[in-house]
C-alpha cells in the first residue's frame, strides 16, 4: 500500500483568493492528482491543479480538495483535505 498522509489546504477562503493544496507525504515516486470539490462531493470543473482561485459560485459553500496518489505496482489511494468555508 502507498504510504501517505492527508492533504491540507491553505490560503484565505475569500472569493478571488488563491487556495493551495499540500498533497501530504507519499511513498517516493508517487504521482498525485488533484480535484477541487464544492460541498464535499461536487467536482469543480477544470479545478485539477495544486492551486485554485475561489470563484463567485464558491461563496457560502465549503471547499476541499481530493488528492489521488498512484504508482505502478501499487493500488491507488484517495485522500480528502480539511474543508474551508468560503466567505
Protein backbone atom coordinates (compact mmCIF):
# COMPACT_ATOMS: atom_id res chain seq x y z
CA UNK A 1 0.00 0.00 0.00
CA UNK A 2 1.18 3.54 -0.72
CA UNK A 3 2.31 5.36 2.39
CA UNK A 4 0.51 8.69 2.68
CA UNK A 5 -0.71 11.42 4.98
CA UNK A 6 -3.86 13.52 4.47
CA UNK A 7 -3.66 16.66 2.31
CA UNK A 8 -4.29 20.16 3.67
CA UNK A 9 -5.43 23.36 2.05
CA UNK A 10 -4.10 26.76 2.94
CA UNK A 11 -4.97 30.30 1.94
CA UNK A 12 -7.62 32.87 2.68
CA UNK A 13 -11.08 31.48 1.93
CA UNK A 14 -12.46 34.54 0.11
CA UNK A 15 -13.78 34.75 -3.44
CA UNK A 16 -10.95 35.81 -5.75
CA UNK A 17 -8.21 34.48 -3.45
CA UNK A 18 -5.96 31.52 -4.19
CA UNK A 19 -6.07 28.30 -2.17
CA UNK A 20 -3.14 25.88 -2.27
CA UNK A 21 -3.19 22.15 -1.65
CA UNK A 22 -0.37 20.50 0.26
CA UNK A 23 -0.69 16.90 -1.00
CA UNK A 24 0.68 15.36 2.19
CA UNK A 25 3.55 12.88 2.25
CA UNK A 26 3.57 9.92 -0.13
CA UNK A 27 5.79 6.96 -0.97
CA UNK A 28 8.65 8.28 -3.16
CA UNK A 29 7.79 8.14 -6.86
CA UNK A 30 4.03 8.52 -6.33
CA UNK A 31 2.15 10.63 -8.86
CA UNK A 32 -0.56 12.80 -7.31
CA UNK A 33 -3.66 14.27 -8.99
CA UNK A 34 -5.89 17.00 -7.59
CA UNK A 35 -9.62 17.61 -7.82
CA UNK A 36 -11.13 20.57 -6.01
CA UNK A 37 -14.61 19.98 -4.60
CA UNK A 38 -17.52 22.14 -3.53
CA UNK A 39 -19.79 20.95 -0.72
CA UNK A 40 -17.56 17.86 -0.21
CA UNK A 41 -18.64 15.96 -3.32
CA UNK A 42 -19.32 18.25 -6.29
CA UNK A 43 -16.32 18.39 -8.62
CA UNK A 44 -15.39 21.90 -9.71
CA UNK A 45 -14.93 21.79 -13.48
CA UNK A 46 -11.33 22.44 -14.55
CA UNK A 47 -10.05 22.69 -10.96
CA UNK A 48 -7.40 19.98 -11.14
CA UNK A 49 -4.14 21.70 -10.20
CA UNK A 50 -2.44 22.24 -6.87
CA UNK A 51 -3.87 25.76 -6.64
CA UNK A 52 -7.40 27.05 -7.08
CA UNK A 53 -8.73 30.61 -7.22
CA UNK A 54 -12.09 30.80 -5.46
CA UNK A 55 -15.00 31.76 -7.72
CA UNK A 56 -18.29 33.53 -7.01
CA UNK A 57 -20.05 30.12 -7.12
CA UNK A 58 -17.97 29.09 -4.08
CA UNK A 59 -19.33 31.88 -1.85
CA UNK A 60 -21.01 30.45 1.28
CA UNK A 61 -20.01 26.93 0.26
CA UNK A 62 -17.47 24.51 1.69
CA UNK A 63 -14.43 23.83 -0.49
CA UNK A 64 -11.99 20.92 -0.18
CA UNK A 65 -9.54 19.01 -2.38
CA UNK A 66 -9.31 15.32 -3.22
CA UNK A 67 -5.79 14.01 -3.83
CA UNK A 68 -5.30 10.69 -5.61
CA UNK A 69 -1.90 9.03 -5.43
CA UNK A 70 -0.79 6.34 -7.87
CA UNK A 71 2.37 4.39 -8.55
CA UNK A 72 2.97 1.33 -10.74
CA UNK A 73 2.65 -1.85 -8.72
CA UNK A 74 0.50 -0.22 -6.03
CA UNK A 75 -3.22 0.27 -5.57
CA UNK A 76 -4.24 3.94 -5.96
CA UNK A 77 -5.13 5.82 -2.77
CA UNK A 78 -7.60 8.70 -2.43
CA UNK A 79 -7.38 11.24 0.41
CA UNK A 80 -9.50 14.28 1.23
CA UNK A 81 -8.34 17.54 2.76
CA UNK A 82 -9.73 19.62 5.53
CA UNK A 83 -12.74 21.72 4.46
CA UNK A 84 -12.79 25.51 4.21
CA UNK A 85 -15.98 27.60 4.30
CA UNK A 86 -15.79 30.42 1.74
CA UNK A 87 -16.83 33.95 2.66
